[in-house]
Amino acid sequence: MKAIICTKYGTPDVLKIKEIRKPIPKDNEILIKIHATSITSGDSRIRQANPFMIRLIFGFKRPRKSVLGVIVSGEIEAIGKSVSKFKIGDQIYGSLGMGFGAHAQYATAKDDAILALKPNNMTYEEAAAIPFGATASLHFLRLANIKRKQNVLIYGASGALGTAAIQLAKIKGATVTAVCSRKNFDLVTSLGADLVIDYTKQDYTNTNAKYDVIFETVGKSSFSKNLGTLSKNGHLLMASANILTMLRGTVTSLFTTKKIKSGVIKETVTDLNYFKTLIEDNQLKPVIDKTYAFDQYKAAHSHVDSGHKKGNVILSVQHFD
């Protein structure tokens, strides 16, 4: 099979397509014929080893697992003899987690992996646009226990997390303020944002507005200014915080009524099934900036590296058998 191999850390030029052995599922594994995957900000950070700590976790000179990629959307081609959750022919979507391997034509996963049946009203490409942003956004929004009519501000509202967060917060009945650039106003408004602020023209922390929840999805706004903009018992959710900011948040939470939440997200099959229900009820929509062919992987990574993608960047995986 063909796979995108990461030969070392660096720019998209460290990637190349290579023929490798097609995996064979073990007794407790499934074989997925991948039809679509995504290039996420997480994929970009791992490829670049940014931050440096990534080298300590995934390999010092190069990633130990050379085929990167977490998000999969595809069809089950084979199953091990002890697999009971899925059957051959099931159309699935979800995450391979730290097992990686999604940037290839095939991948294996354990029977209990974070995978679920694909929404019936979605293409494989559309389904690949859901797990990363929706899972992370739902995880953080749950930490704030959002209620009806609460004021929620989403910083980085046009990205993968932001576009999902707008929709999930509106489902909860919140009033949503989206912060993004002017060119993305129509997009975030179409997803349900009640108010949109152009961060290049206006500093939302310099107004009299107070927010019950501020969801910082990209790690580029001011911690102290966000704290001052929260209501008395508000929540600051930080999806892209570094270690120092996480520690600062923990200490701040101990000495104020405001709560700062960060850390590693938890992926569950239950959430994938929840998204499936929302999607089939037309309450949650995929947002795809651009879909690239599999052999355009370098362009796809470069697009993500730019930091200006809208929603998700998808790789369509071609098969010629």
C-alpha atoms as a PDB file:
ATOM      1  CA  MET A   1       0.000   0.000   0.000  1.00  0.00           C
ATOM      2  CA  LYS A   2       0.959   3.645  -0.259  1.00  0.00           C
ATOM      3  CA  ALA A   3       1.646   5.706   2.842  1.00  0.00           C
ATOM      4  CA  ILE A   4       2.962   9.170   3.629  1.00  0.00           C
ATOM      5  CA  ILE A   5       6.219   8.725   5.525  1.00  0.00           C
ATOM      6  CA  CYS A   6       7.716  11.327   7.858  1.00  0.00           C
ATOM      7  CA  THR A   7      11.489  10.871   7.520  1.00  0.00           C
ATOM      8  CA  LYS A   8      12.508  13.489  10.119  1.00  0.00           C
ATOM      9  CA  TYR A   9      11.134  16.597  11.798  1.00  0.00           C
ATOM     10  CA  GLY A  10      10.760  19.718   9.699  1.00  0.00           C
ATOM     11  CA  THR A  11       8.823  21.362   6.870  1.00  0.00           C
ATOM     12  CA  PRO A  12       6.422  19.455   4.584  1.00  0.00           C
ATOM     13  CA  ASP A  13       9.465  18.521   2.495  1.00  0.00           C
ATOM     14  CA  VAL A  14      10.390  15.860   5.082  1.00  0.00           C
ATOM     15  CA  LEU A  15       7.333  13.897   3.923  1.00  0.00           C
ATOM     16  CA  LYS A  16       7.271  11.439   1.030  1.00  0.00           C
ATOM     17  CA  ILE A  17       4.983   8.759  -0.373  1.00  0.00           C
ATOM     18  CA  LYS A  18       6.368   5.264  -0.057  1.00  0.00           C
ATOM     19  CA  GLU A  19       5.163   1.747  -0.782  1.00  0.00           C
ATOM     20  CA  ILE A  20       5.026  -0.223   2.456  1.00  0.00           C
ATOM     21  CA  ARG A  21       3.534  -3.544   3.498  1.00  0.00           C
ATOM     22  CA  LYS A  22      -0.230  -3.557   3.879  1.00  0.00           C
ATOM     23  CA  PRO A  23      -1.012  -4.414   7.519  1.00  0.00           C
ATOM     24  CA  ILE A  24      -2.708  -7.646   8.524  1.00  0.00           C
ATOM     25  CA  PRO A  25      -5.166  -7.388  11.420  1.00  0.00           C
ATOM     26  CA  LYS A  26      -4.524  -9.408  14.570  1.00  0.00           C
ATOM     27  CA  ASP A  27      -7.289 -11.383  16.249  1.00  0.00           C
ATOM     28  CA  ASN A  28      -8.599  -8.284  18.079  1.00  0.00           C
ATOM     29  CA  GLU A  29      -8.074  -5.833  15.227  1.00  0.00           C
ATOM     30  CA  ILE A  30      -9.875  -4.492  12.174  1.00  0.00           C
ATOM     31  CA  LEU A  31      -8.359  -3.499   8.831  1.00  0.00           C
ATOM     32  CA  ILE A  32      -9.618  -0.131   7.590  1.00  0.00           C
ATOM     33  CA  LYS A  33      -9.563   0.807   3.926  1.00  0.00           C
ATOM     34  CA  ILE A  34      -9.117   4.548   4.378  1.00  0.00           C
ATOM     35  CA  HIS A  35     -11.055   6.788   2.009  1.00  0.00           C
ATOM     36  CA  ALA A  36     -10.352  10.123   3.702  1.00  0.00           C
ATOM     37  CA  THR A  37      -8.255  11.548   6.500  1.00  0.00           C
ATOM     38  CA  SER A  38      -7.429  15.026   7.733  1.00  0.00           C
ATOM     39  CA  ILE A  39      -4.328  17.136   8.243  1.00  0.00           C
ATOM     40  CA  THR A  40      -4.791  18.794  11.619  1.00  0.00           C
ATOM     41  CA  SER A  41      -2.850  21.372  13.571  1.00  0.00           C
ATOM     42  CA  GLY A  42      -1.749  18.475  15.771  1.00  0.00           C
ATOM     43  CA  ASP A  43      -0.300  16.653  12.745  1.00  0.00           C
ATOM     44  CA  SER A  44       1.563  19.827  11.829  1.00  0.00           C
ATOM     45  CA  ARG A  45       3.012  20.256  15.314  1.00  0.00           C
ATOM     46  CA  ILE A  46       4.210  16.662  15.478  1.00  0.00           C
ATOM     47  CA  ARG A  47       5.804  16.884  12.025  1.00  0.00           C
ATOM     48  CA  GLN A  48       7.655  20.042  13.089  1.00  0.00           C
ATOM     49  CA  ALA A  49       8.409  18.837  16.656  1.00  0.00           C
ATOM     50  CA  ASN A  50       6.862  22.070  17.898  1.00  0.00           C
ATOM     51  CA  PRO A  51       7.144  22.344  20.858  1.00  0.00           C
ATOM     52  CA  PHE A  52      10.497  20.606  21.349  1.00  0.00           C
ATOM     53  CA  MET A  53       8.986  18.326  24.011  1.00  0.00           C
ATOM     54  CA  ILE A  54       7.381  16.363  21.170  1.00  0.00           C
ATOM     55  CA  ARG A  55      10.804  14.819  20.515  1.00  0.00           C
ATOM     56  CA  LEU A  56      10.888  13.434  24.056  1.00  0.00           C
ATOM     57  CA  ILE A  57       7.527  11.741  23.555  1.00  0.00           C
ATOM     58  CA  PHE A  58       7.497  10.625  19.915  1.00  0.00           C
ATOM     59  CA  GLY A  59      11.186  10.195  19.070  1.00  0.00           C
ATOM     60  CA  PHE A  60      14.225  12.452  19.345  1.00  0.00           C
ATOM     61  CA  LYS A  61      15.519  12.553  15.754  1.00  0.00           C
ATOM     62  CA  ARG A  62      12.366  11.486  13.923  1.00  0.00           C
ATOM     63  CA  PRO A  63       8.927  10.149  14.805  1.00  0.00           C
ATOM     64  CA  ARG A  64       9.135   6.522  15.922  1.00  0.00           C
ATOM     65  CA  LYS A  65       5.936   5.911  14.001  1.00  0.00           C
ATOM     66  CA  SER A  66       6.749   7.183  10.558  1.00  0.00           C
ATOM     67  CA  VAL A  67       3.164   7.173   9.241  1.00  0.00           C
ATOM     68  CA  LEU A  68       1.451  10.080  10.966  1.00  0.00           C
ATOM     69  CA  GLY A  69      -2.233  10.947  11.032  1.00  0.00           C
ATOM     70  CA  VAL A  70      -4.959  10.217  13.542  1.00  0.00           C
ATOM     71  CA  ILE A  71      -8.335  10.828  11.886  1.00  0.00           C
ATOM     72  CA  VAL A  72      -9.810   8.124   9.648  1.00  0.00           C
ATOM     73  CA  SER A  73     -12.929   7.716   7.557  1.00  0.00           C
ATOM     74  CA  GLY A  74     -13.286   4.531   5.597  1.00  0.00           C
ATOM     75  CA  GLU A  75     -14.563   0.996   5.256  1.00  0.00           C
ATOM     76  CA  ILE A  76     -13.734  -2.133   7.205  1.00  0.00           C
ATOM     77  CA  GLU A  77     -12.093  -4.601   4.833  1.00  0.00           C
ATOM     78  CA  ALA A  78     -11.126  -7.386   7.212  1.00  0.00           C
ATOM     79  CA  ILE A  79     -11.575  -8.323  10.874  1.00  0.00           C
ATOM     80  CA  GLY A  80      -9.763 -10.532  13.343  1.00  0.00           C
ATOM     81  CA  LYS A  81     -11.481 -13.662  14.635  1.00  0.00           C
ATOM     82  CA  SER A  82     -12.240 -12.162  18.070  1.00  0.00           C
ATOM     83  CA  VAL A  83     -13.745  -8.899  16.772  1.00  0.00           C
ATOM     84  CA  SER A  84     -17.436  -8.497  17.609  1.00  0.00           C
ATOM     85  CA  LYS A  85     -18.031  -4.762  17.476  1.00  0.00           C
ATOM     86  CA  PHE A  86     -17.708  -4.338  13.694  1.00  0.00           C
ATOM     87  CA  LYS A  87     -18.250  -6.375  10.566  1.00  0.00           C
ATOM     88  CA  ILE A  88     -16.706  -6.328   7.090  1.00  0.00           C
ATOM     89  CA  GLY A  89     -18.225  -3.555   4.979  1.00  0.00           C
ATOM     90  CA  ASP A  90     -19.052  -1.213   7.880  1.00  0.00           C
ATOM     91  CA  GLN A  91     -18.446   2.437   6.992  1.00  0.00           C
ATOM     92  CA  ILE A  92     -16.694   4.010   9.977  1.00  0.00           C
ATOM     93  CA  TYR A  93     -15.075   7.226  11.150  1.00  0.00           C
ATOM     94  CA  GLY A  94     -13.077   8.286  14.172  1.00  0.00           C
ATOM     95  CA  SER A  95      -9.584   8.394  15.626  1.00  0.00           C
ATOM     96  CA  LEU A  96      -6.606   6.050  15.746  1.00  0.00           C
ATOM     97  CA  GLY A  97      -5.253   8.028  18.707  1.00  0.00           C
ATOM     98  CA  MET A  98      -1.563   7.742  19.486  1.00  0.00           C
ATOM     99  CA  GLY A  99      -1.387   4.668  17.276  1.00  0.00           C
ATOM    100  CA  PHE A 100      -1.234   7.038  14.276  1.00  0.00           C
ATOM    101  CA  GLY A 101      -1.096   5.549  10.760  1.00  0.00           C
ATOM    102  CA  ALA A 102      -4.072   7.389   9.217  1.00  0.00           C
ATOM    103  CA  HIS A 103      -2.074   8.993   6.403  1.00  0.00           C
ATOM    104  CA  ALA A 104      -2.073   5.818   4.369  1.00  0.00           C
ATOM    105  CA  GLN A 105      -4.362   3.702   2.213  1.00  0.00           C
ATOM    106  CA  TYR A 106      -4.916   1.172   5.007  1.00  0.00           C
ATOM    107  CA  ALA A 107      -4.575   1.041   8.778  1.00  0.00           C
ATOM    108  CA  THR A 108      -5.340  -1.441  11.523  1.00  0.00           C
ATOM    109  CA  ALA A 109      -7.040  -0.606  14.805  1.00  0.00           C
ATOM    110  CA  LYS A 110      -8.127  -2.545  17.849  1.00  0.00           C
ATOM    111  CA  ASP A 111     -11.764  -3.520  18.184  1.00  0.00           C
ATOM    112  CA  ASP A 112     -12.148  -1.035  21.057  1.00  0.00           C
ATOM    113  CA  ALA A 113     -10.579   1.929  19.205  1.00  0.00           C
ATOM    114  CA  ILE A 114     -12.336   5.306  19.104  1.00  0.00           C
ATOM    115  CA  LEU A 115     -14.318   4.438  15.984  1.00  0.00           C
ATOM    116  CA  ALA A 116     -18.029   4.461  15.177  1.00  0.00           C
ATOM    117  CA  LEU A 117     -20.341   4.022  12.227  1.00  0.00           C
ATOM    118  CA  LYS A 118     -20.140   6.982   9.848  1.00  0.00           C
ATOM    119  CA  PRO A 119     -23.150   9.331   9.648  1.00  0.00           C
ATOM    120  CA  ASN A 120     -25.418   8.128   6.848  1.00  0.00           C
ATOM    121  CA  ASN A 121     -25.785  11.567   5.271  1.00  0.00           C
ATOM    122  CA  MET A 122     -22.049  12.274   4.926  1.00  0.00           C
ATOM    123  CA  THR A 123     -19.348  11.500   2.419  1.00  0.00           C
ATOM    124  CA  TYR A 124     -16.103  10.019   3.711  1.00  0.00           C
ATOM    125  CA  GLU A 125     -14.440  13.415   3.255  1.00  0.00           C
ATOM    126  CA  GLU A 126     -17.139  15.183   5.266  1.00  0.00           C
ATOM    127  CA  ALA A 127     -16.939  12.583   8.032  1.00  0.00           C
ATOM    128  CA  ALA A 128     -13.168  13.085   8.288  1.00  0.00           C
ATOM    129  CA  ALA A 129     -13.847  16.744   9.109  1.00  0.00           C
ATOM    130  CA  ILE A 130     -15.695  15.930  12.336  1.00  0.00           C
ATOM    131  CA  PRO A 131     -13.659  13.985  14.942  1.00  0.00           C
ATOM    132  CA  PHE A 132     -10.717  16.327  15.606  1.00  0.00           C
ATOM    133  CA  GLY A 133     -12.468  19.665  16.108  1.00  0.00           C
ATOM    134  CA  ALA A 134     -15.770  18.378  17.460  1.00  0.00           C
ATOM    135  CA  THR A 135     -14.198  16.010  19.992  1.00  0.00           C
ATOM    136  CA  ALA A 136     -11.829  18.652  21.371  1.00  0.00           C
ATOM    137  CA  SER A 137     -14.512  21.331  21.479  1.00  0.00           C
ATOM    138  CA  LEU A 138     -17.072  19.125  23.185  1.00  0.00           C
ATOM    139  CA  HIS A 139     -14.488  18.061  25.775  1.00  0.00           C
ATOM    140  CA  PHE A 140     -13.712  21.638  26.786  1.00  0.00           C
ATOM    141  CA  LEU A 141     -17.265  22.962  26.603  1.00  0.00           C
ATOM    142  CA  ARG A 142     -18.356  20.177  28.947  1.00  0.00           C
ATOM    143  CA  LEU A 143     -15.787  21.352  31.491  1.00  0.00           C
ATOM    144  CA  ALA A 144     -17.646  24.679  31.617  1.00  0.00           C
ATOM    145  CA  ASN A 145     -21.061  23.032  31.909  1.00  0.00           C
ATOM    146  CA  ILE A 146     -22.596  25.559  29.526  1.00  0.00           C
ATOM    147  CA  LYS A 147     -26.201  26.529  30.182  1.00  0.00           C
ATOM    148  CA  ARG A 148     -28.887  28.290  28.183  1.00  0.00           C
ATOM    149  CA  LYS A 149     -28.399  32.021  27.585  1.00  0.00           C
ATOM    150  CA  GLN A 150     -24.841  32.061  28.925  1.00  0.00           C
ATOM    151  CA  ASN A 151     -22.434  34.305  27.015  1.00  0.00           C
ATOM    152  CA  VAL A 152     -19.727  32.272  25.310  1.00  0.00           C
ATOM    153  CA  LEU A 153     -16.815  33.812  23.391  1.00  0.00           C
ATOM    154  CA  ILE A 154     -14.840  31.637  20.994  1.00  0.00           C
ATOM    155  CA  TYR A 155     -11.388  32.866  19.985  1.00  0.00           C
ATOM    156  CA  GLY A 156     -10.160  31.316  16.746  1.00  0.00           C
ATOM    157  CA  ALA A 157     -13.750  30.751  15.707  1.00  0.00           C
ATOM    158  CA  SER A 158     -13.049  29.862  12.069  1.00  0.00           C
ATOM    159  CA  GLY A 159     -10.698  26.949  12.746  1.00  0.00           C
ATOM    160  CA  ALA A 160     -11.470  23.252  13.196  1.00  0.00           C
ATOM    161  CA  LEU A 161     -12.218  23.635  16.902  1.00  0.00           C
ATOM    162  CA  GLY A 162     -13.903  27.008  16.581  1.00  0.00           C
ATOM    163  CA  THR A 163     -16.378  26.043  13.865  1.00  0.00           C
ATOM    164  CA  ALA A 164     -17.401  22.968  15.857  1.00  0.00           C
ATOM    165  CA  ALA A 165     -17.560  24.913  19.131  1.00  0.00           C
ATOM    166  CA  ILE A 166     -19.944  27.516  17.700  1.00  0.00           C
ATOM    167  CA  GLN A 167     -22.400  24.806  16.708  1.00  0.00           C
ATOM    168  CA  LEU A 168     -22.082  22.804  19.933  1.00  0.00           C
ATOM    169  CA  ALA A 169     -22.500  25.904  22.111  1.00  0.00           C
ATOM    170  CA  LYS A 170     -25.608  26.950  20.166  1.00  0.00           C
ATOM    171  CA  ILE A 171     -27.065  23.474  20.628  1.00  0.00           C
ATOM    172  CA  LYS A 172     -26.716  24.123  24.374  1.00  0.00           C
ATOM    173  CA  GLY A 173     -28.621  27.401  23.961  1.00  0.00           C
ATOM    174  CA  ALA A 174     -25.693  29.758  24.553  1.00  0.00           C
ATOM    175  CA  THR A 175     -25.250  33.223  23.073  1.00  0.00           C
ATOM    176  CA  VAL A 176     -22.057  32.979  21.020  1.00  0.00           C
ATOM    177  CA  THR A 177     -19.549  35.689  20.179  1.00  0.00           C
ATOM    178  CA  ALA A 178     -17.065  34.573  17.518  1.00  0.00           C
ATOM    179  CA  VAL A 179     -13.619  36.165  17.188  1.00  0.00           C
ATOM    180  CA  CYS A 180     -11.963  35.790  13.790  1.00  0.00           C
ATOM    181  CA  SER A 181     -10.881  37.849  10.769  1.00  0.00           C
ATOM    182  CA  ARG A 182     -13.355  39.782   8.642  1.00  0.00           C
ATOM    183  CA  LYS A 183     -13.088  37.345   5.724  1.00  0.00           C
ATOM    184  CA  ASN A 184     -14.595  34.582   7.882  1.00  0.00           C
ATOM    185  CA  PHE A 185     -17.614  36.541   9.172  1.00  0.00           C
ATOM    186  CA  ASP A 186     -20.064  34.886   6.781  1.00  0.00           C
ATOM    187  CA  LEU A 187     -18.819  31.421   7.704  1.00  0.00           C
ATOM    188  CA  VAL A 188     -19.150  31.773  11.474  1.00  0.00           C
ATOM    189  CA  THR A 189     -22.475  33.579  11.156  1.00  0.00           C
ATOM    190  CA  SER A 190     -23.827  30.716   9.034  1.00  0.00           C
ATOM    191  CA  LEU A 191     -22.863  28.333  11.841  1.00  0.00           C
ATOM    192  CA  GLY A 192     -24.887  30.274  14.396  1.00  0.00           C
ATOM    193  CA  ALA A 193     -22.637  32.978  15.869  1.00  0.00           C
ATOM    194  CA  ASP A 194     -24.754  35.793  17.332  1.00  0.00           C
ATOM    195  CA  LEU A 195     -21.985  38.405  17.275  1.00  0.00           C
ATOM    196  CA  VAL A 196     -18.700  38.461  15.373  1.00  0.00           C
ATOM    197  CA  ILE A 197     -15.595  40.480  16.274  1.00  0.00           C
ATOM    198  CA  ASP A 198     -12.709  41.129  13.892  1.00  0.00           C
ATOM    199  CA  TYR A 199      -9.628  40.643  16.055  1.00  0.00           C
ATOM    200  CA  THR A 200      -7.548  42.783  13.669  1.00  0.00           C
ATOM    201  CA  LYS A 201      -9.816  45.783  14.270  1.00  0.00           C
ATOM    202  CA  GLN A 202     -11.174  45.405  17.799  1.00  0.00           C
ATOM    203  CA  ASP A 203      -9.880  44.074  21.113  1.00  0.00           C
ATOM    204  CA  TYR A 204     -12.782  42.244  22.719  1.00  0.00           C
ATOM    205  CA  THR A 205     -11.108  42.559  26.132  1.00  0.00           C
ATOM    206  CA  ASN A 206     -11.312  46.363  25.974  1.00  0.00           C
ATOM    207  CA  THR A 207     -15.099  46.499  26.069  1.00  0.00           C
ATOM    208  CA  ASN A 208     -17.474  46.321  29.017  1.00  0.00           C
ATOM    209  CA  ALA A 209     -18.706  42.897  27.937  1.00  0.00           C
ATOM    210  CA  LYS A 210     -18.296  39.974  30.348  1.00  0.00           C
ATOM    211  CA  TYR A 211     -18.389  36.345  29.299  1.00  0.00           C
ATOM    212  CA  ASP A 212     -19.388  33.244  31.222  1.00  0.00           C
ATOM    213  CA  VAL A 213     -17.068  31.174  29.046  1.00  0.00           C
ATOM    214  CA  ILE A 214     -14.073  32.106  26.904  1.00  0.00           C
ATOM    215  CA  PHE A 215     -12.867  29.258  24.702  1.00  0.00           C
ATOM    216  CA  GLU A 216      -9.340  29.973  23.458  1.00  0.00           C
ATOM    217  CA  THR A 217      -8.815  27.466  20.641  1.00  0.00           C
ATOM    218  CA  VAL A 218      -5.474  28.603  19.163  1.00  0.00           C
ATOM    219  CA  GLY A 219      -3.297  29.841  22.050  1.00  0.00           C
ATOM    220  CA  LYS A 220      -2.762  33.341  20.690  1.00  0.00           C
ATOM    221  CA  SER A 221      -4.719  35.647  23.017  1.00  0.00           C
ATOM    222  CA  SER A 222      -3.715  37.184  26.352  1.00  0.00           C
ATOM    223  CA  PHE A 223      -4.249  35.043  29.468  1.00  0.00           C
ATOM    224  CA  SER A 224      -4.511  38.029  31.817  1.00  0.00           C
ATOM    225  CA  LYS A 225      -6.829  39.991  29.527  1.00  0.00           C
ATOM    226  CA  ASN A 226      -9.079  36.967  29.085  1.00  0.00           C
ATOM    227  CA  LEU A 227      -9.202  36.542  32.847  1.00  0.00           C
ATOM    228  CA  GLY A 228     -10.313  40.154  33.250  1.00  0.00           C
ATOM    229  CA  THR A 229     -13.068  39.654  30.687  1.00  0.00           C
ATOM    230  CA  LEU A 230     -14.633  36.666  32.464  1.00  0.00           C
ATOM    231  CA  SER A 231     -17.672  36.958  34.710  1.00  0.00           C
ATOM    232  CA  LYS A 232     -17.186  36.276  38.438  1.00  0.00           C
ATOM    233  CA  ASN A 233     -17.610  32.510  38.154  1.00  0.00           C
ATOM    234  CA  GLY A 234     -16.573  32.222  34.523  1.00  0.00           C
ATOM    235  CA  HIS A 235     -14.512  29.577  32.780  1.00  0.00           C
ATOM    236  CA  LEU A 236     -11.458  30.115  30.593  1.00  0.00           C
ATOM    237  CA  LEU A 237     -10.961  27.082  28.353  1.00  0.00           C
ATOM    238  CA  MET A 238      -7.512  26.769  26.767  1.00  0.00           C
ATOM    239  CA  ALA A 239      -7.199  24.142  24.060  1.00  0.00           C
ATOM    240  CA  SER A 240      -3.651  25.063  23.001  1.00  0.00           C
ATOM    241  CA  ALA A 241      -1.960  26.084  26.244  1.00  0.00           C
ATOM    242  CA  ASN A 242       1.741  25.427  26.818  1.00  0.00           C
ATOM    243  CA  ILE A 243       3.051  23.960  30.077  1.00  0.00           C
ATOM    244  CA  LEU A 244       3.702  27.324  31.740  1.00  0.00           C
ATOM    245  CA  THR A 245       0.249  28.642  30.861  1.00  0.00           C
ATOM    246  CA  MET A 246      -1.328  25.443  32.140  1.00  0.00           C
ATOM    247  CA  LEU A 247       0.478  25.833  35.461  1.00  0.00           C
ATOM    248  CA  ARG A 248      -0.571  29.467  35.645  1.00  0.00           C
ATOM    249  CA  GLY A 249      -4.143  28.429  35.043  1.00  0.00           C
ATOM    250  CA  THR A 250      -4.031  25.812  37.800  1.00  0.00           C
ATOM    251  CA  VAL A 251      -2.690  28.313  40.338  1.00  0.00           C
ATOM    252  CA  THR A 252      -5.178  30.988  39.274  1.00  0.00           C
ATOM    253  CA  SER A 253      -8.088  28.581  39.719  1.00  0.00           C
ATOM    254  CA  LEU A 254      -7.013  27.940  43.317  1.00  0.00           C
ATOM    255  CA  PHE A 255      -7.187  31.584  44.360  1.00  0.00           C
ATOM    256  CA  THR A 256     -10.149  32.986  42.408  1.00  0.00           C
ATOM    257  CA  THR A 257     -13.739  32.066  41.673  1.00  0.00           C
ATOM    258  CA  LYS A 258     -12.822  31.886  38.003  1.00  0.00           C
ATOM    259  CA  LYS A 259     -11.873  28.489  36.615  1.00  0.00           C
ATOM    260  CA  ILE A 260      -9.187  27.848  34.027  1.00  0.00           C
ATOM    261  CA  LYS A 261      -9.293  24.526  32.197  1.00  0.00           C
ATOM    262  CA  SER A 262      -6.671  23.005  29.899  1.00  0.00           C
ATOM    263  CA  GLY A 263      -4.964  19.656  29.401  1.00  0.00           C
ATOM    264  CA  VAL A 264      -5.378  16.553  27.262  1.00  0.00           C
ATOM    265  CA  ILE A 265      -8.761  15.788  25.737  1.00  0.00           C
ATOM    266  CA  LYS A 266     -10.586  12.512  26.235  1.00  0.00           C
ATOM    267  CA  GLU A 267     -11.891  10.725  23.134  1.00  0.00           C
ATOM    268  CA  THR A 268     -14.868   8.384  23.410  1.00  0.00           C
ATOM    269  CA  VAL A 269     -17.001   6.301  21.071  1.00  0.00           C
ATOM    270  CA  THR A 270     -20.031   7.749  22.864  1.00  0.00           C
ATOM    271  CA  ASP A 271     -19.103  11.197  21.589  1.00  0.00           C
ATOM    272  CA  LEU A 272     -18.714   9.939  18.011  1.00  0.00           C
ATOM    273  CA  ASN A 273     -22.185   8.429  18.212  1.00  0.00           C
ATOM    274  CA  TYR A 274     -23.491  11.715  19.645  1.00  0.00           C
ATOM    275  CA  PHE A 275     -22.003  13.599  16.689  1.00  0.00           C
ATOM    276  CA  LYS A 276     -23.548  11.041  14.335  1.00  0.00           C
ATOM    277  CA  THR A 277     -26.982  11.756  15.806  1.00  0.00           C
ATOM    278  CA  LEU A 278     -26.499  15.529  15.567  1.00  0.00           C
ATOM    279  CA  ILE A 279     -25.279  15.276  11.976  1.00  0.00           C
ATOM    280  CA  GLU A 280     -28.142  13.058  10.853  1.00  0.00           C
ATOM    281  CA  ASP A 281     -30.517  15.568  12.515  1.00  0.00           C
ATOM    282  CA  ASN A 282     -28.773  18.392  10.584  1.00  0.00           C
ATOM    283  CA  GLN A 283     -27.644  20.086  13.797  1.00  0.00           C
ATOM    284  CA  LEU A 284     -23.892  19.706  13.213  1.00  0.00           C
ATOM    285  CA  LYS A 285     -22.211  20.485   9.899  1.00  0.00           C
ATOM    286  CA  PRO A 286     -18.691  19.735   8.666  1.00  0.00           C
ATOM    287  CA  VAL A 287     -16.547  22.707   7.696  1.00  0.00           C
ATOM    288  CA  ILE A 288     -13.937  21.928   5.046  1.00  0.00           C
ATOM    289  CA  ASP A 289     -11.565  24.582   3.779  1.00  0.00           C
ATOM    290  CA  LYS A 290     -10.055  22.423   1.044  1.00  0.00           C
ATOM    291  CA  THR A 291      -9.838  18.777   0.031  1.00  0.00           C
ATOM    292  CA  TYR A 292      -6.538  17.580  -1.435  1.00  0.00           C
ATOM    293  CA  ALA A 293      -5.748  14.429  -3.362  1.00  0.00           C
ATOM    294  CA  PHE A 294      -3.495  11.999  -1.522  1.00  0.00           C
ATOM    295  CA  ASP A 295      -0.452  12.919  -3.604  1.00  0.00           C
ATOM    296  CA  GLN A 296      -0.945  16.603  -2.745  1.00  0.00           C
ATOM    297  CA  TYR A 297       0.001  15.940   0.871  1.00  0.00           C
ATOM    298  CA  LYS A 298       2.784  18.554   0.933  1.00  0.00           C
ATOM    299  CA  ALA A 299       0.411  21.283  -0.214  1.00  0.00           C
ATOM    300  CA  ALA A 300      -2.097  20.164   2.408  1.00  0.00           C
ATOM    301  CA  HIS A 301       0.499  20.373   5.183  1.00  0.00           C
ATOM    302  CA  SER A 302       1.659  23.774   3.951  1.00  0.00           C
ATOM    303  CA  HIS A 303      -1.931  25.001   4.053  1.00  0.00           C
ATOM    304  CA  VAL A 304      -2.255  23.930   7.693  1.00  0.00           C
ATOM    305  CA  ASP A 305       1.155  25.433   8.530  1.00  0.00           C
ATOM    306  CA  SER A 306      -0.066  28.829   7.300  1.00  0.00           C
ATOM    307  CA  GLY A 307      -2.343  29.079  10.337  1.00  0.00           C
ATOM    308  CA  HIS A 308      -5.169  30.519   8.251  1.00  0.00           C
ATOM    309  CA  LYS A 309      -7.268  27.497   7.332  1.00  0.00           C
ATOM    310  CA  LYS A 310     -11.033  27.626   7.744  1.00  0.00           C
ATOM    311  CA  GLY A 311     -12.304  24.545   9.488  1.00  0.00           C
ATOM    312  CA  ASN A 312     -10.578  21.393   8.265  1.00  0.00           C
ATOM    313  CA  VAL A 313      -8.097  20.329   5.602  1.00  0.00           C
ATOM    314  CA  ILE A 314      -8.912  16.910   4.158  1.00  0.00           C
ATOM    315  CA  LEU A 315      -6.892  14.319   2.239  1.00  0.00           C
ATOM    316  CA  SER A 316      -8.929  12.149  -0.131  1.00  0.00           C
ATOM    317  CA  VAL A 317      -7.258   8.738  -0.293  1.00  0.00           C
ATOM    318  CA  GLN A 318      -7.362   7.112  -3.720  1.00  0.00           C
ATOM    319  CA  HIS A 319      -7.353   3.348  -4.299  1.00  0.00           C
ATOM    320  CA  PHE A 320      -6.627   1.705  -7.623  1.00  0.00           C
ATOM    321  CA  ASP A 321      -7.333  -1.936  -6.796  1.00  0.00           C
END
